[in-house]
C-alpha atoms as a PDB file:
ATOM      1  CA  MET A   1      -3.512  18.944 -10.198  1.00  0.00           C
ATOM      2  CA  ILE A   2      -0.744  21.410 -11.081  1.00  0.00           C
ATOM      3  CA  GLY A   3       2.841  20.688 -10.100  1.00  0.00           C
ATOM      4  CA  THR A   4       6.094  22.555 -10.152  1.00  0.00           C
ATOM      5  CA  LEU A   5       7.661  23.044 -13.575  1.00  0.00           C
ATOM      6  CA  THR A   6      11.438  22.857 -13.600  1.00  0.00           C
ATOM      7  CA  ILE A   7      13.148  24.807 -16.364  1.00  0.00           C
ATOM      8  CA  ILE A   8      15.544  22.564 -18.260  1.00  0.00           C
ATOM      9  CA  THR A   9      18.028  24.079 -20.683  1.00  0.00           C
ATOM     10  CA  LYS A  10      18.304  22.838 -24.268  1.00  0.00           C
ATOM     11  CA  LYS A  11      21.691  21.415 -23.348  1.00  0.00           C
ATOM     12  CA  HIS A  12      19.958  18.884 -21.079  1.00  0.00           C
ATOM     13  CA  TRP A  13      16.661  18.389 -22.858  1.00  0.00           C
ATOM     14  CA  ARG A  14      15.858  17.894 -26.501  1.00  0.00           C
ATOM     15  CA  LEU A  15      12.201  16.821 -26.347  1.00  0.00           C
ATOM     16  CA  GLN A  16       9.604  18.851 -28.146  1.00  0.00           C
ATOM     17  CA  LYS A  17       7.320  20.891 -25.919  1.00  0.00           C
ATOM     18  CA  LYS A  18       4.272  18.689 -26.651  1.00  0.00           C
ATOM     19  CA  HIS A  19       6.192  15.565 -25.553  1.00  0.00           C
ATOM     20  CA  PHE A  20       7.403  17.294 -22.394  1.00  0.00           C
ATOM     21  CA  PHE A  21       3.845  18.200 -21.402  1.00  0.00           C
ATOM     22  CA  ARG A  22       2.639  14.651 -22.134  1.00  0.00           C
ATOM     23  CA  VAL A  23       5.363  13.242 -19.847  1.00  0.00           C
ATOM     24  CA  MET A  24       4.519  15.755 -17.120  1.00  0.00           C
ATOM     25  CA  PHE A  25       0.781  14.957 -17.378  1.00  0.00           C
ATOM     26  CA  GLU A  26       1.475  11.231 -17.132  1.00  0.00           C
ATOM     27  CA  ASN A  27       3.664  11.785 -14.059  1.00  0.00           C
ATOM     28  CA  MET A  28       1.046  13.954 -12.376  1.00  0.00           C
ATOM     29  CA  SER A  29      -1.798  11.493 -13.019  1.00  0.00           C
ATOM     30  CA  PHE A  30       0.090   8.372 -11.942  1.00  0.00           C
ATOM     31  CA  SER A  31      -1.648   5.770  -9.813  1.00  0.00           C
ATOM     32  CA  ILE A  32      -0.469   2.318  -8.808  1.00  0.00           C
ATOM     33  CA  PRO A  33      -2.288  -0.266 -10.928  1.00  0.00           C
ATOM     34  CA  GLU A  34      -4.621  -2.826  -9.415  1.00  0.00           C
ATOM     35  CA  GLY A  35      -2.809  -6.073  -8.666  1.00  0.00           C
ATOM     36  CA  PHE A  36       0.601  -4.404  -8.458  1.00  0.00           C
ATOM     37  CA  GLU A  37       1.184  -5.996  -5.043  1.00  0.00           C
ATOM     38  CA  THR A  38       1.185  -9.452  -6.619  1.00  0.00           C
ATOM     39  CA  ALA A  39       3.705  -8.753  -9.415  1.00  0.00           C
ATOM     40  CA  ARG A  40       6.636 -11.168  -9.056  1.00  0.00           C
ATOM     41  CA  SER A  41       9.209  -9.752 -11.482  1.00  0.00           C
ATOM     42  CA  ARG A  42      11.989  -7.411 -10.413  1.00  0.00           C
ATOM     43  CA  ILE A  43      10.804  -3.798 -10.520  1.00  0.00           C
ATOM     44  CA  LEU A  44      13.131  -0.793 -10.790  1.00  0.00           C
ATOM     45  CA  VAL A  45      11.868   2.493  -9.370  1.00  0.00           C
ATOM     46  CA  LEU A  46      14.298   5.172 -10.544  1.00  0.00           C
ATOM     47  CA  ILE A  47      14.210   8.887  -9.783  1.00  0.00           C
ATOM     48  CA  GLY A  48      16.624  11.789  -9.711  1.00  0.00           C
ATOM     49  CA  LYS A  49      17.378  13.468  -6.394  1.00  0.00           C
ATOM     50  CA  LYS A  50      16.079  16.783  -7.789  1.00  0.00           C
ATOM     51  CA  GLU A  51      12.662  15.323  -8.733  1.00  0.00           C
ATOM     52  CA  ASN A  52       9.658  17.154  -7.348  1.00  0.00           C
ATOM     53  CA  SER A  53       7.958  15.970  -4.170  1.00  0.00           C
ATOM     54  CA  ILE A  54       5.095  14.243  -6.038  1.00  0.00           C
ATOM     55  CA  ILE A  55       7.540  11.907  -7.770  1.00  0.00           C
ATOM     56  CA  LYS A  56       9.405  11.207  -4.511  1.00  0.00           C
ATOM     57  CA  LYS A  57       6.095  10.371  -2.784  1.00  0.00           C
ATOM     58  CA  SER A  58       5.131   8.075  -5.672  1.00  0.00           C
ATOM     59  CA  MET A  59       8.440   6.251  -5.297  1.00  0.00           C
ATOM     60  CA  ALA A  60       7.822   5.692  -1.591  1.00  0.00           C
ATOM     61  CA  ASP A  61       4.282   4.431  -2.299  1.00  0.00           C
ATOM     62  CA  ILE A  62       5.522   2.020  -4.973  1.00  0.00           C
ATOM     63  CA  LEU A  63       8.292   0.634  -2.745  1.00  0.00           C
ATOM     64  CA  GLU A  64       5.793   0.023   0.057  1.00  0.00           C
ATOM     65  CA  ARG A  65       3.403  -1.889  -2.217  1.00  0.00           C
ATOM     66  CA  ASN A  66       5.674  -4.595  -3.631  1.00  0.00           C
ATOM     67  CA  GLU A  67       8.640  -6.387  -2.069  1.00  0.00           C
ATOM     68  CA  ASN A  68      10.231  -6.963  -5.495  1.00  0.00           C
ATOM     69  CA  CYS A  69      10.935  -3.266  -5.975  1.00  0.00           C
ATOM     70  CA  LEU A  70      14.381  -1.716  -5.998  1.00  0.00           C
ATOM     71  CA  GLY A  71      14.423   2.046  -5.560  1.00  0.00           C
ATOM     72  CA  VAL A  72      17.365   4.013  -6.928  1.00  0.00           C
ATOM     73  CA  VAL A  73      17.893   7.760  -6.497  1.00  0.00           C
ATOM     74  CA  ILE A  74      20.481   9.377  -8.775  1.00  0.00           C
ATOM     75  CA  SER A  75      22.322  12.353  -7.262  1.00  0.00           C
ATOM     76  CA  GLY A  76      22.474  15.724  -8.956  1.00  0.00           C
ATOM     77  CA  VAL A  77      19.680  15.323 -11.524  1.00  0.00           C
ATOM     78  CA  GLY A  78      15.942  15.636 -11.932  1.00  0.00           C
ATOM     79  CA  HIS A  79      14.166  13.311 -14.335  1.00  0.00           C
ATOM     80  CA  VAL A  80      17.002  10.932 -15.263  1.00  0.00           C
ATOM     81  CA  PRO A  81      15.910   9.810 -18.771  1.00  0.00           C
ATOM     82  CA  LEU A  82      15.347  13.421 -19.851  1.00  0.00           C
ATOM     83  CA  TYR A  83      18.526  14.716 -18.265  1.00  0.00           C
ATOM     84  CA  ASN A  84      20.881  12.242 -19.895  1.00  0.00           C
ATOM     85  CA  PRO A  85      19.397   9.422 -22.001  1.00  0.00           C
ATOM     86  CA  THR A  86      22.816   7.798 -22.571  1.00  0.00           C
ATOM     87  CA  TYR A  87      23.499   7.651 -18.820  1.00  0.00           C
ATOM     88  CA  PHE A  88      20.013   6.234 -18.276  1.00  0.00           C
ATOM     89  CA  ASN A  89      20.534   3.482 -20.861  1.00  0.00           C
ATOM     90  CA  GLU A  90      23.945   2.561 -19.422  1.00  0.00           C
ATOM     91  CA  LEU A  91      22.483   2.495 -15.915  1.00  0.00           C
ATOM     92  CA  ILE A  92      19.722   0.101 -16.989  1.00  0.00           C
ATOM     93  CA  GLU A  93      22.180  -2.127 -18.861  1.00  0.00           C
ATOM     94  CA  ASP A  94      24.552  -2.301 -15.849  1.00  0.00           C
ATOM     95  CA  LEU A  95      21.659  -3.101 -13.539  1.00  0.00           C
ATOM     96  CA  ILE A  96      20.377  -5.910 -15.765  1.00  0.00           C
ATOM     97  CA  LYS A  97      23.733  -7.439 -16.702  1.00  0.00           C
ATOM     98  CA  LYS A  98      25.821  -6.794 -13.566  1.00  0.00           C
ATOM     99  CA  GLU A  99      23.205  -5.966 -10.892  1.00  0.00           C
ATOM    100  CA  LYS A 100      25.238  -2.799 -10.296  1.00  0.00           C
ATOM    101  CA  ILE A 101      24.068   0.750  -9.672  1.00  0.00           C
ATOM    102  CA  PRO A 102      26.220   3.898 -10.043  1.00  0.00           C
ATOM    103  CA  ASN A 103      28.490   4.854  -7.146  1.00  0.00           C
ATOM    104  CA  ASP A 104      26.679   8.177  -6.705  1.00  0.00           C
ATOM    105  CA  ALA A 105      23.252   6.526  -6.468  1.00  0.00           C
ATOM    106  CA  ILE A 106      21.282   5.820  -3.316  1.00  0.00           C
ATOM    107  CA  ARG A 107      19.655   2.381  -3.149  1.00  0.00           C
ATOM    108  CA  PHE A 108      16.359   1.644  -1.401  1.00  0.00           C
ATOM    109  CA  ASN A 109      14.903  -1.832  -1.084  1.00  0.00           C
ATOM    110  CA  ALA A 110      11.201  -2.397  -0.629  1.00  0.00           C
ATOM    111  CA  SER A 111      10.166  -2.619   3.020  1.00  0.00           C
END
């Protein structure tokens, strides 16, 4: 399967090319693991609003499969950890410690 490649400037992305392609391959070959429906821990499903349609579809599939999922869409970015690792880390810390998501984020609960 071949997806859309988004060009990311060096300002926003400092991964080596081989790591970028590994991440893209993993994203493209994603499947929900067996037994996922029975997982009982809190599960964060985080994407950027500019993610490609495959990632958005995966998010929807994940949210449908487990009621413990929290979906968060971050405005204005593609792949959040690659775009701004510091922002990503702060977001995760705020979510764990304060159960707070950024003001510009869209929250989806599992159905």
